[in-house]
Structure formats: structure tokens, C-alpha cells
PDB file of N, CA and C in Angstrom:
ATOM      1  N   MET A   1      14.874   9.094  33.552  1.00  0.00           N
ATOM      2  CA  MET A   1      15.045   8.890  32.123  1.00  0.00           C
ATOM      3  C   MET A   1      13.723   8.401  31.529  1.00  0.00           C
ATOM      4  N   GLY A   2      13.333   8.976  30.383  1.00  0.00           N
ATOM      5  CA  GLY A   2      12.085   8.621  29.725  1.00  0.00           C
ATOM      6  C   GLY A   2      12.142   7.249  29.079  1.00  0.00           C
ATOM      7  N   LYS A   3      10.981   6.761  28.764  1.00  0.00           N
ATOM      8  CA  LYS A   3      10.899   5.469  28.081  1.00  0.00           C
ATOM      9  C   LYS A   3      11.364   5.623  26.641  1.00  0.00           C
ATOM     10  N   ARG A   4      11.975   4.595  26.140  1.00  0.00           N
ATOM     11  CA  ARG A   4      12.533   4.611  24.789  1.00  0.00           C
ATOM     12  C   ARG A   4      11.484   4.196  23.765  1.00  0.00           C
ATOM     13  N   ILE A   5      11.360   4.990  22.719  1.00  0.00           N
ATOM     14  CA  ILE A   5      10.466   4.653  21.618  1.00  0.00           C
ATOM     15  C   ILE A   5      11.303   4.080  20.480  1.00  0.00           C
ATOM     16  N   VAL A   6      10.898   2.915  20.007  1.00  0.00           N
ATOM     17  CA  VAL A   6      11.601   2.230  18.937  1.00  0.00           C
ATOM     18  C   VAL A   6      10.763   2.337  17.668  1.00  0.00           C
ATOM     19  N   GLU A   7      11.420   2.668  16.555  1.00  0.00           N
ATOM     20  CA  GLU A   7      10.717   2.724  15.280  1.00  0.00           C
ATOM     21  C   GLU A   7      11.034   1.461  14.488  1.00  0.00           C
ATOM     22  N   ILE A   8       9.983   0.813  14.018  1.00  0.00           N
ATOM     23  CA  ILE A   8      10.101  -0.412  13.226  1.00  0.00           C
ATOM     24  C   ILE A   8       9.442  -0.139  11.883  1.00  0.00           C
ATOM     25  N   SER A   9      10.152  -0.443  10.810  1.00  0.00           N
ATOM     26  CA  SER A   9       9.544  -0.254   9.492  1.00  0.00           C
ATOM     27  C   SER A   9       9.816  -1.476   8.627  1.00  0.00           C
ATOM     28  N   PHE A  10       8.836  -1.771   7.779  1.00  0.00           N
ATOM     29  CA  PHE A  10       8.985  -2.898   6.861  1.00  0.00           C
ATOM     30  C   PHE A  10       8.062  -2.695   5.671  1.00  0.00           C
ATOM     31  N   GLU A  11       8.313  -3.473   4.616  1.00  0.00           N
ATOM     32  CA  GLU A  11       7.524  -3.392   3.401  1.00  0.00           C
ATOM     33  C   GLU A  11       7.026  -4.783   3.035  1.00  0.00           C
ATOM     34  N   LEU A  12       5.756  -4.867   2.661  1.00  0.00           N
ATOM     35  CA  LEU A  12       5.157  -6.112   2.201  1.00  0.00           C
ATOM     36  C   LEU A  12       4.813  -5.941   0.729  1.00  0.00           C
ATOM     37  N   TYR A  13       5.178  -6.919  -0.079  1.00  0.00           N
ATOM     38  CA  TYR A  13       4.825  -6.858  -1.496  1.00  0.00           C
ATOM     39  C   TYR A  13       3.573  -7.690  -1.736  1.00  0.00           C
ATOM     40  N   LEU A  14       2.568  -7.042  -2.310  1.00  0.00           N
ATOM     41  CA  LEU A  14       1.306  -7.703  -2.620  1.00  0.00           C
ATOM     42  C   LEU A  14       1.331  -8.271  -4.031  1.00  0.00           C
ATOM     43  N   SER A  15       2.111  -7.634  -4.896  1.00  0.00           N
ATOM     44  CA  SER A  15       2.327  -8.085  -6.268  1.00  0.00           C
ATOM     45  C   SER A  15       3.585  -7.380  -6.770  1.00  0.00           C
ATOM     46  N   GLU A  16       3.922  -7.596  -8.001  1.00  0.00           N
ATOM     47  CA  GLU A  16       5.094  -6.927  -8.582  1.00  0.00           C
ATOM     48  C   GLU A  16       4.927  -5.409  -8.581  1.00  0.00           C
ATOM     49  N   PHE A  17       3.684  -4.940  -8.629  1.00  0.00           N
ATOM     50  CA  PHE A  17       3.409  -3.512  -8.744  1.00  0.00           C
ATOM     51  C   PHE A  17       2.647  -2.925  -7.561  1.00  0.00           C
ATOM     52  N   ASP A  18       2.563  -3.675  -6.463  1.00  0.00           N
ATOM     53  CA  ASP A  18       1.800  -3.219  -5.306  1.00  0.00           C
ATOM     54  C   ASP A  18       2.537  -3.562  -4.020  1.00  0.00           C
ATOM     55  N   SER A  19       2.567  -2.602  -3.104  1.00  0.00           N
ATOM     56  CA  SER A  19       3.234  -2.857  -1.831  1.00  0.00           C
ATOM     57  C   SER A  19       2.537  -2.124  -0.698  1.00  0.00           C
ATOM     58  N   VAL A  20       2.894  -2.504   0.512  1.00  0.00           N
ATOM     59  CA  VAL A  20       2.424  -1.851   1.731  1.00  0.00           C
ATOM     60  C   VAL A  20       3.654  -1.510   2.551  1.00  0.00           C
ATOM     61  N   ASN A  21       3.797  -0.235   2.895  1.00  0.00           N
ATOM     62  CA  ASN A  21       4.879   0.215   3.768  1.00  0.00           C
ATOM     63  C   ASN A  21       4.290   0.437   5.155  1.00  0.00           C
ATOM     64  N   VAL A  22       4.971  -0.078   6.164  1.00  0.00           N
ATOM     65  CA  VAL A  22       4.488   0.026   7.538  1.00  0.00           C
ATOM     66  C   VAL A  22       5.576   0.654   8.399  1.00  0.00           C
ATOM     67  N   ILE A  23       5.180   1.637   9.207  1.00  0.00           N
ATOM     68  CA  ILE A  23       6.076   2.252  10.186  1.00  0.00           C
ATOM     69  C   ILE A  23       5.353   2.213  11.530  1.00  0.00           C
ATOM     70  N   LEU A  24       5.985   1.581  12.502  1.00  0.00           N
ATOM     71  CA  LEU A  24       5.425   1.476  13.852  1.00  0.00           C
ATOM     72  C   LEU A  24       6.334   2.205  14.825  1.00  0.00           C
ATOM     73  N   LYS A  25       5.749   2.920  15.767  1.00  0.00           N
ATOM     74  CA  LYS A  25       6.501   3.488  16.883  1.00  0.00           C
ATOM     75  C   LYS A  25       6.021   2.760  18.124  1.00  0.00           C
ATOM     76  N   VAL A  26       6.971   2.056  18.759  1.00  0.00           N
ATOM     77  CA  VAL A  26       6.652   1.147  19.859  1.00  0.00           C
ATOM     78  C   VAL A  26       7.368   1.603  21.122  1.00  0.00           C
ATOM     79  N   GLU A  27       6.627   1.593  22.234  1.00  0.00           N
ATOM     80  CA  GLU A  27       7.190   1.942  23.535  1.00  0.00           C
ATOM     81  C   GLU A  27       6.743   0.884  24.539  1.00  0.00           C
ATOM     82  N   SER A  28       7.672   0.285  25.222  1.00  0.00           N
ATOM     83  CA  SER A  28       7.373  -0.748  26.226  1.00  0.00           C
ATOM     84  C   SER A  28       6.486  -1.852  25.653  1.00  0.00           C
ATOM     85  N   GLY A  29       6.753  -2.238  24.406  1.00  0.00           N
ATOM     86  CA  GLY A  29       6.025  -3.333  23.779  1.00  0.00           C
ATOM     87  C   GLY A  29       4.650  -2.961  23.237  1.00  0.00           C
ATOM     88  N   GLN A  30       4.262  -1.698  23.353  1.00  0.00           N
ATOM     89  CA  GLN A  30       2.954  -1.240  22.894  1.00  0.00           C
ATOM     90  C   GLN A  30       3.112  -0.290  21.709  1.00  0.00           C
ATOM     91  N   ILE A  31       2.270  -0.438  20.706  1.00  0.00           N
ATOM     92  CA  ILE A  31       2.297   0.473  19.567  1.00  0.00           C
ATOM     93  C   ILE A  31       1.731   1.818  20.017  1.00  0.00           C
ATOM     94  N   LYS A  32       2.523   2.857  19.836  1.00  0.00           N
ATOM     95  CA  LYS A  32       2.099   4.213  20.192  1.00  0.00           C
ATOM     96  C   LYS A  32       1.556   4.949  18.972  1.00  0.00           C
ATOM     97  N   SER A  33       2.099   4.650  17.798  1.00  0.00           N
ATOM     98  CA  SER A  33       1.573   5.217  16.561  1.00  0.00           C
ATOM     99  C   SER A  33       1.974   4.329  15.398  1.00  0.00           C
ATOM    100  N   PHE A  34       1.266   4.497  14.296  1.00  0.00           N
ATOM    101  CA  PHE A  34       1.572   3.703  13.112  1.00  0.00           C
ATOM    102  C   PHE A  34       1.219   4.484  11.858  1.00  0.00           C
ATOM    103  N   THR A  35       1.893   4.106  10.785  1.00  0.00           N
ATOM    104  CA  THR A  35       1.570   4.583   9.450  1.00  0.00           C
ATOM    105  C   THR A  35       1.603   3.370   8.536  1.00  0.00           C
ATOM    106  N   ILE A  36       0.547   3.185   7.767  1.00  0.00           N
ATOM    107  CA  ILE A  36       0.458   2.080   6.813  1.00  0.00           C
ATOM    108  C   ILE A  36       0.107   2.706   5.470  1.00  0.00           C
ATOM    109  N   ILE A  37       0.933   2.478   4.467  1.00  0.00           N
ATOM    110  CA  ILE A  37       0.725   3.100   3.161  1.00  0.00           C
ATOM    111  C   ILE A  37       0.630   2.030   2.090  1.00  0.00           C
ATOM    112  N   GLN A  38      -0.504   1.999   1.408  1.00  0.00           N
ATOM    113  CA  GLN A  38      -0.658   1.126   0.245  1.00  0.00           C
ATOM    114  C   GLN A  38      -0.175   1.903  -0.966  1.00  0.00           C
ATOM    115  N   ARG A  39       0.718   1.289  -1.745  1.00  0.00           N
ATOM    116  CA  ARG A  39       1.259   1.942  -2.936  1.00  0.00           C
ATOM    117  C   ARG A  39       1.066   1.050  -4.158  1.00  0.00           C
ATOM    118  N   THR A  40       0.969   1.679  -5.305  1.00  0.00           N
ATOM    119  CA  THR A  40       0.909   0.943  -6.567  1.00  0.00           C
ATOM    120  C   THR A  40       1.776   1.673  -7.588  1.00  0.00           C
ATOM    121  N   MET A  41       2.298   0.927  -8.532  1.00  0.00           N
ATOM    122  CA  MET A  41       3.133   1.522  -9.556  1.00  0.00           C
ATOM    123  C   MET A  41       2.321   1.754 -10.820  1.00  0.00           C
ATOM    124  N   ALA A  42       2.479   2.952 -11.370  1.00  0.00           N
ATOM    125  CA  ALA A  42       1.863   3.293 -12.651  1.00  0.00           C
ATOM    126  C   ALA A  42       2.856   4.167 -13.406  1.00  0.00           C
ATOM    127  N   LYS A  43       3.109   3.823 -14.634  1.00  0.00           N
ATOM    128  CA  LYS A  43       4.069   4.554 -15.480  1.00  0.00           C
ATOM    129  C   LYS A  43       5.415   4.726 -14.776  1.00  0.00           C
ATOM    130  N   ASP A  44       5.893   3.635 -14.158  1.00  0.00           N
ATOM    131  CA  ASP A  44       7.196   3.582 -13.487  1.00  0.00           C
ATOM    132  C   ASP A  44       7.331   4.507 -12.278  1.00  0.00           C
ATOM    133  N   ILE A  45       6.210   4.928 -11.703  1.00  0.00           N
ATOM    134  CA  ILE A  45       6.234   5.782 -10.511  1.00  0.00           C
ATOM    135  C   ILE A  45       5.345   5.143  -9.442  1.00  0.00           C
ATOM    136  N   TRP A  46       5.858   5.101  -8.194  1.00  0.00           N
ATOM    137  CA  TRP A  46       5.060   4.604  -7.081  1.00  0.00           C
ATOM    138  C   TRP A  46       4.094   5.689  -6.631  1.00  0.00           C
ATOM    139  N   HIS A  47       2.824   5.315  -6.456  1.00  0.00           N
ATOM    140  CA  HIS A  47       1.773   6.237  -6.019  1.00  0.00           C
ATOM    141  C   HIS A  47       1.106   5.689  -4.768  1.00  0.00           C
ATOM    142  N   GLN A  48       0.767   6.588  -3.838  1.00  0.00           N
ATOM    143  CA  GLN A  48       0.006   6.181  -2.662  1.00  0.00           C
ATOM    144  C   GLN A  48      -1.457   6.008  -3.049  1.00  0.00           C
ATOM    145  N   VAL A  49      -2.040   4.904  -2.605  1.00  0.00           N
ATOM    146  CA  VAL A  49      -3.446   4.610  -2.873  1.00  0.00           C
ATOM    147  C   VAL A  49      -4.281   4.948  -1.642  1.00  0.00           C
ATOM    148  N   THR A  50      -3.846   4.452  -0.497  1.00  0.00           N
ATOM    149  CA  THR A  50      -4.522   4.740   0.768  1.00  0.00           C
ATOM    150  C   THR A  50      -3.480   4.743   1.872  1.00  0.00           C
ATOM    151  N   ARG A  51      -3.788   5.475   2.936  1.00  0.00           N
ATOM    152  CA  ARG A  51      -2.839   5.549   4.056  1.00  0.00           C
ATOM    153  C   ARG A  51      -3.629   5.560   5.357  1.00  0.00           C
ATOM    154  N   TYR A  52      -3.162   4.763   6.295  1.00  0.00           N
ATOM    155  CA  TYR A  52      -3.685   4.775   7.657  1.00  0.00           C
ATOM    156  C   TYR A  52      -2.603   5.408   8.528  1.00  0.00           C
ATOM    157  N   ASP A  53      -2.995   6.333   9.407  1.00  0.00           N
ATOM    158  CA  ASP A  53      -2.005   6.895  10.321  1.00  0.00           C
ATOM    159  C   ASP A  53      -2.688   7.423  11.575  1.00  0.00           C
ATOM    160  N   CYS A  54      -1.877   7.935  12.479  1.00  0.00           N
ATOM    161  CA  CYS A  54      -2.371   8.414  13.772  1.00  0.00           C
ATOM    162  C   CYS A  54      -2.141   9.915  13.947  1.00  0.00           C
ATOM    163  N   ALA A  55      -1.948  10.620  12.859  1.00  0.00           N
ATOM    164  CA  ALA A  55      -1.736  12.068  12.952  1.00  0.00           C
ATOM    165  C   ALA A  55      -2.981  12.729  13.542  1.00  0.00           C
ATOM    166  N   HIS A  56      -2.797  13.864  14.145  1.00  0.00           N
ATOM    167  CA  HIS A  56      -3.896  14.653  14.716  1.00  0.00           C
ATOM    168  C   HIS A  56      -4.529  13.969  15.928  1.00  0.00           C
ATOM    169  N   GLY A  57      -3.822  13.003  16.529  1.00  0.00           N
ATOM    170  CA  GLY A  57      -4.275  12.396  17.776  1.00  0.00           C
ATOM    171  C   GLY A  57      -5.267  11.249  17.651  1.00  0.00           C
ATOM    172  N   HIS A  58      -5.649  10.897  16.432  1.00  0.00           N
ATOM    173  CA  HIS A  58      -6.565   9.756  16.278  1.00  0.00           C
ATOM    174  C   HIS A  58      -6.203   8.969  15.017  1.00  0.00           C
ATOM    175  N   ALA A  59      -6.507   7.683  15.056  1.00  0.00           N
ATOM    176  CA  ALA A  59      -6.200   6.814  13.919  1.00  0.00           C
ATOM    177  C   ALA A  59      -7.280   6.961  12.858  1.00  0.00           C
ATOM    178  N   HIS A  60      -6.847   7.073  11.610  1.00  0.00           N
ATOM    179  CA  HIS A  60      -7.785   7.254  10.521  1.00  0.00           C
ATOM    180  C   HIS A  60      -7.182   6.781   9.209  1.00  0.00           C
ATOM    181  N   GLN A  61      -8.048   6.629   8.212  1.00  0.00           N
ATOM    182  CA  GLN A  61      -7.638   6.225   6.873  1.00  0.00           C
ATOM    183  C   GLN A  61      -7.817   7.413   5.934  1.00  0.00           C
ATOM    184  N   HIS A  62      -6.784   7.690   5.147  1.00  0.00           N
ATOM    185  CA  HIS A  62      -6.865   8.679   4.078  1.00  0.00           C
ATOM    186  C   HIS A  62      -7.194   7.911   2.803  1.00  0.00           C
ATOM    187  N   GLN A  63      -8.346   8.162   2.240  1.00  0.00           N
ATOM    188  CA  GLN A  63      -8.740   7.486   1.008  1.00  0.00           C
ATOM    189  C   GLN A  63      -8.234   8.326  -0.169  1.00  0.00           C
ATOM    190  N   LEU A  64      -6.969   8.134  -0.502  1.00  0.00           N
ATOM    191  CA  LEU A  64      -6.290   8.956  -1.500  1.00  0.00           C
ATOM    192  C   LEU A  64      -6.778   8.690  -2.916  1.00  0.00           C
ATOM    193  N   TYR A  65      -7.511   7.606  -3.095  1.00  0.00           N
ATOM    194  CA  TYR A  65      -8.053   7.293  -4.413  1.00  0.00           C
ATOM    195  C   TYR A  65      -9.305   8.111  -4.702  1.00  0.00           C
ATOM    196  N   ARG A  66      -9.827   8.814  -3.713  1.00  0.00           N
ATOM    197  CA  ARG A  66     -11.011   9.652  -3.905  1.00  0.00           C
ATOM    198  C   ARG A  66     -10.588  11.075  -4.255  1.00  0.00           C
ATOM    199  N   LYS A  67     -11.350  11.738  -5.074  1.00  0.00           N
ATOM    200  CA  LYS A  67     -11.049  13.135  -5.434  1.00  0.00           C
ATOM    201  C   LYS A  67     -11.012  14.022  -4.191  1.00  0.00           C
ATOM    202  N   ASP A  68     -11.896  13.759  -3.215  1.00  0.00           N
ATOM    203  CA  ASP A  68     -11.950  14.591  -2.009  1.00  0.00           C
ATOM    204  C   ASP A  68     -10.958  14.142  -0.931  1.00  0.00           C
ATOM    205  N   LYS A  69     -10.193  13.074  -1.204  1.00  0.00           N
ATOM    206  CA  LYS A  69      -9.176  12.552  -0.273  1.00  0.00           C
ATOM    207  C   LYS A  69      -9.759  12.345   1.135  1.00  0.00           C
ATOM    208  N   ARG A  70     -10.944  11.790   1.195  1.00  0.00           N
ATOM    209  CA  ARG A  70     -11.692  11.620   2.443  1.00  0.00           C
ATOM    210  C   ARG A  70     -10.886  10.903   3.521  1.00  0.00           C
ATOM    211  N   LYS A  71     -11.070  11.333   4.774  1.00  0.00           N
ATOM    212  CA  LYS A  71     -10.476  10.672   5.937  1.00  0.00           C
ATOM    213  C   LYS A  71     -11.591   9.961   6.703  1.00  0.00           C
ATOM    214  N   VAL A  72     -11.321   8.715   7.075  1.00  0.00           N
ATOM    215  CA  VAL A  72     -12.292   7.912   7.817  1.00  0.00           C
ATOM    216  C   VAL A  72     -11.647   7.496   9.134  1.00  0.00           C
ATOM    217  N   ARG A  73     -12.254   7.886  10.238  1.00  0.00           N
ATOM    218  CA  ARG A  73     -11.709   7.531  11.558  1.00  0.00           C
ATOM    219  C   ARG A  73     -11.875   6.047  11.824  1.00  0.00           C
ATOM    220  N   LEU A  74     -10.870   5.471  12.467  1.00  0.00           N
ATOM    221  CA  LEU A  74     -10.960   4.073  12.896  1.00  0.00           C
ATOM    222  C   LEU A  74     -11.682   4.012  14.236  1.00  0.00           C
ATOM    223  N   ALA A  75     -12.162   2.829  14.573  1.00  0.00           N
ATOM    224  CA  ALA A  75     -12.862   2.620  15.840  1.00  0.00           C
ATOM    225  C   ALA A  75     -11.989   3.080  17.002  1.00  0.00           C
ATOM    226  N   ASN A  76     -12.621   3.539  18.058  1.00  0.00           N
ATOM    227  CA  ASN A  76     -11.925   4.018  19.243  1.00  0.00           C
ATOM    228  C   ASN A  76     -11.471   2.828  20.087  1.00  0.00           C
ATOM    229  N   LEU A  77     -10.321   2.276  19.703  1.00  0.00           N
ATOM    230  CA  LEU A  77      -9.740   1.100  20.359  1.00  0.00           C
ATOM    231  C   LEU A  77      -8.338   1.445  20.850  1.00  0.00           C
ATOM    232  N   ARG A  78      -7.718   0.509  21.552  1.00  0.00           N
ATOM    233  CA  ARG A  78      -6.300   0.686  21.883  1.00  0.00           C
ATOM    234  C   ARG A  78      -5.515   0.762  20.581  1.00  0.00           C
ATOM    235  N   ARG A  79      -4.402   1.466  20.589  1.00  0.00           N
ATOM    236  CA  ARG A  79      -3.610   1.675  19.376  1.00  0.00           C
ATOM    237  C   ARG A  79      -3.186   0.344  18.750  1.00  0.00           C
ATOM    238  N   ASP A  80      -2.798  -0.652  19.559  1.00  0.00           N
ATOM    239  CA  ASP A  80      -2.424  -1.966  19.020  1.00  0.00           C
ATOM    240  C   ASP A  80      -3.584  -2.570  18.222  1.00  0.00           C
ATOM    241  N   ASP A  81      -4.791  -2.453  18.769  1.00  0.00           N
ATOM    242  CA  ASP A  81      -5.966  -3.015  18.100  1.00  0.00           C
ATOM    243  C   ASP A  81      -6.337  -2.215  16.853  1.00  0.00           C
ATOM    244  N   GLN A  82      -6.142  -0.907  16.895  1.00  0.00           N
ATOM    245  CA  GLN A  82      -6.376  -0.097  15.694  1.00  0.00           C
ATOM    246  C   GLN A  82      -5.418  -0.499  14.576  1.00  0.00           C
ATOM    247  N   TYR A  83      -4.165  -0.765  14.930  1.00  0.00           N
ATOM    248  CA  TYR A  83      -3.189  -1.212  13.931  1.00  0.00           C
ATOM    249  C   TYR A  83      -3.638  -2.538  13.309  1.00  0.00           C
ATOM    250  N   LYS A  84      -4.024  -3.484  14.150  1.00  0.00           N
ATOM    251  CA  LYS A  84      -4.490  -4.787  13.643  1.00  0.00           C
ATOM    252  C   LYS A  84      -5.709  -4.621  12.740  1.00  0.00           C
ATOM    253  N   LEU A  85      -6.646  -3.762  13.149  1.00  0.00           N
ATOM    254  CA  LEU A  85      -7.839  -3.503  12.360  1.00  0.00           C
ATOM    255  C   LEU A  85      -7.466  -2.891  11.004  1.00  0.00           C
ATOM    256  N   ALA A  86      -6.576  -1.909  11.013  1.00  0.00           N
ATOM    257  CA  ALA A  86      -6.159  -1.251   9.769  1.00  0.00           C
ATOM    258  C   ALA A  86      -5.474  -2.247   8.833  1.00  0.00           C
ATOM    259  N   MET A  87      -4.587  -3.068   9.360  1.00  0.00           N
ATOM    260  CA  MET A  87      -3.912  -4.060   8.519  1.00  0.00           C
ATOM    261  C   MET A  87      -4.922  -5.055   7.950  1.00  0.00           C
ATOM    262  N   HIS A  88      -5.854  -5.485   8.769  1.00  0.00           N
ATOM    263  CA  HIS A  88      -6.881  -6.426   8.297  1.00  0.00           C
ATOM    264  C   HIS A  88      -7.718  -5.790   7.186  1.00  0.00           C
ATOM    265  N   GLU A  89      -8.183  -4.560   7.425  1.00  0.00           N
ATOM    266  CA  GLU A  89      -8.983  -3.858   6.413  1.00  0.00           C
ATOM    267  C   GLU A  89      -8.204  -3.730   5.105  1.00  0.00           C
ATOM    268  N   LEU A  90      -6.944  -3.346   5.218  1.00  0.00           N
ATOM    269  CA  LEU A  90      -6.138  -3.146   4.015  1.00  0.00           C
ATOM    270  C   LEU A  90      -5.932  -4.453   3.260  1.00  0.00           C
ATOM    271  N   MET A  91      -5.612  -5.516   3.950  1.00  0.00           N
ATOM    272  CA  MET A  91      -5.379  -6.795   3.285  1.00  0.00           C
ATOM    273  C   MET A  91      -6.656  -7.333   2.629  1.00  0.00           C
ATOM    274  N   GLU A  92      -7.802  -6.998   3.203  1.00  0.00           N
ATOM    275  CA  GLU A  92      -9.074  -7.433   2.630  1.00  0.00           C
ATOM    276  C   GLU A  92      -9.500  -6.581   1.427  1.00  0.00           C
ATOM    277  N   SER A  93      -9.061  -5.328   1.388  1.00  0.00           N
ATOM    278  CA  SER A  93      -9.616  -4.403   0.392  1.00  0.00           C
ATOM    279  C   SER A  93      -8.583  -3.776  -0.547  1.00  0.00           C
ATOM    280  N   TRP A  94      -7.322  -4.187  -0.480  1.00  0.00           N
ATOM    281  CA  TRP A  94      -6.300  -3.485  -1.260  1.00  0.00           C
ATOM    282  C   TRP A  94      -6.582  -3.507  -2.758  1.00  0.00           C
ATOM    283  N   LEU A  95      -7.083  -4.613  -3.256  1.00  0.00           N
ATOM    284  CA  LEU A  95      -7.320  -4.711  -4.694  1.00  0.00           C
ATOM    285  C   LEU A  95      -8.469  -3.796  -5.129  1.00  0.00           C
ATOM    286  N   SER A  96      -9.545  -3.766  -4.362  1.00  0.00           N
ATOM    287  CA  SER A  96     -10.663  -2.881  -4.735  1.00  0.00           C
ATOM    288  C   SER A  96     -10.261  -1.417  -4.596  1.00  0.00           C
ATOM    289  N   GLN A  97      -9.459  -1.085  -3.579  1.00  0.00           N
ATOM    290  CA  GLN A  97      -8.977   0.293  -3.434  1.00  0.00           C
ATOM    291  C   GLN A  97      -8.057   0.669  -4.593  1.00  0.00           C
ATOM    292  N   LYS A  98      -7.239  -0.280  -5.039  1.00  0.00           N
ATOM    293  CA  LYS A  98      -6.377  -0.026  -6.191  1.00  0.00           C
ATOM    294  C   LYS A  98      -7.223   0.245  -7.435  1.00  0.00           C
ATOM    295  N   LYS A  99      -8.272  -0.541  -7.630  1.00  0.00           N
ATOM    296  CA  LYS A  99      -9.135  -0.341  -8.798  1.00  0.00           C
ATOM    297  C   LYS A  99      -9.796   1.027  -8.758  1.00  0.00           C
ATOM    298  N   GLN A 100     -10.235   1.456  -7.587  1.00  0.00           N
ATOM    299  CA  GLN A 100     -10.828   2.791  -7.453  1.00  0.00           C
ATOM    300  C   GLN A 100      -9.787   3.872  -7.739  1.00  0.00           C
ATOM    301  N   TRP A 101      -8.574   3.686  -7.201  1.00  0.00           N
ATOM    302  CA  TRP A 101      -7.495   4.643  -7.457  1.00  0.00           C
ATOM    303  C   TRP A 101      -7.199   4.711  -8.955  1.00  0.00           C
ATOM    304  N   ARG A 102      -7.123   3.557  -9.602  1.00  0.00           N
ATOM    305  CA  ARG A 102      -6.798   3.507 -11.036  1.00  0.00           C
ATOM    306  C   ARG A 102      -7.830   4.284 -11.852  1.00  0.00           C
ATOM    307  N   ARG A 103      -9.125   4.133 -11.515  1.00  0.00           N
ATOM    308  CA  ARG A 103     -10.168   4.872 -12.240  1.00  0.00           C
ATOM    309  C   ARG A 103      -9.965   6.387 -12.095  1.00  0.00           C
ATOM    310  N   THR A 104      -9.656   6.828 -10.875  1.00  0.00           N
ATOM    311  CA  THR A 104      -9.423   8.254 -10.621  1.00  0.00           C
ATOM    312  C   THR A 104      -8.157   8.722 -11.347  1.00  0.00           C
ATOM    313  N   TYR A 105      -7.111   7.919 -11.284  1.00  0.00           N
ATOM    314  CA  TYR A 105      -5.822   8.266 -11.912  1.00  0.00           C
ATOM    315  C   TYR A 105      -5.978   8.389 -13.422  1.00  0.00           C
ATOM    316  N   GLU A 106      -6.697   7.476 -14.025  1.00  0.00           N
ATOM    317  CA  GLU A 106      -6.838   7.479 -15.488  1.00  0.00           C
ATOM    318  C   GLU A 106      -7.705   8.635 -15.974  1.00  0.00           C
ATOM    319  N   ARG A 107      -8.624   9.120 -15.118  1.00  0.00           N
ATOM    320  CA  ARG A 107      -9.445  10.284 -15.487  1.00  0.00           C
ATOM    321  C   ARG A 107      -8.666  11.585 -15.383  1.00  0.00           C
ATOM    322  N   GLY A 108      -7.544  11.526 -14.626  1.00  0.00           N
ATOM    323  CA  GLY A 108      -6.684  12.705 -14.483  1.00  0.00           C
ATOM    324  C   GLY A 108      -7.238  13.635 -13.505  1.00  0.00           C
TER     325      GLY A 108
END
């Protein structure tokens, strides 16, 4: 019988109009993959600002506030450490990323 993968999801509110959604896939106490989505509300609609995930076999950040939607690879670490790094980066930069997203959003 294969090892069981458990999915854990939760939401953190940064303000009344800003949140972070986290989805972890854990096997034997180790994070196998993660998705972290920073969202902000504008005109009563939730919008993604930035997203960290492990799609395509490597952890990276989608900078959705940029016109080119650039992807930035995370350091080549264990998945648990990549998750910690991504959460730290997001908590340190969420406000500046929101401001960049807002400028792009308002330009249309």
C-alpha cells in the first residue's frame, strides 16, 4: 500500500481586503507540494496578486502583478524549506506586491 498524501488548506487574512490562501500536500510529515496565493479585493472581486507553487516539477513564484506574468524559480532546497522561504518572502513583500498589482490593474 502506498503512502498517504494529506491535503491541508488554510487562509490567512492580512487585512480586510487582503488574504493568503495556502494548500499543502504532505506525505509522512514532509511537504511534497504547496500552493500559496496572495489575493486582494478590488471592486468587490478577489484577484490573485502573486502565487507560489510547485507545478512543472520546481517551486516558483508567478508575479501576476506584472504584465508579462513572470515566473521566478525558488532556491533549490528541500520542499519544506522552499515553503518556508516562500511564506517568508510573501509576508515581507505582500504590501509592495499589492501596490505593484494595483498600478497594473488601474492601467487596465
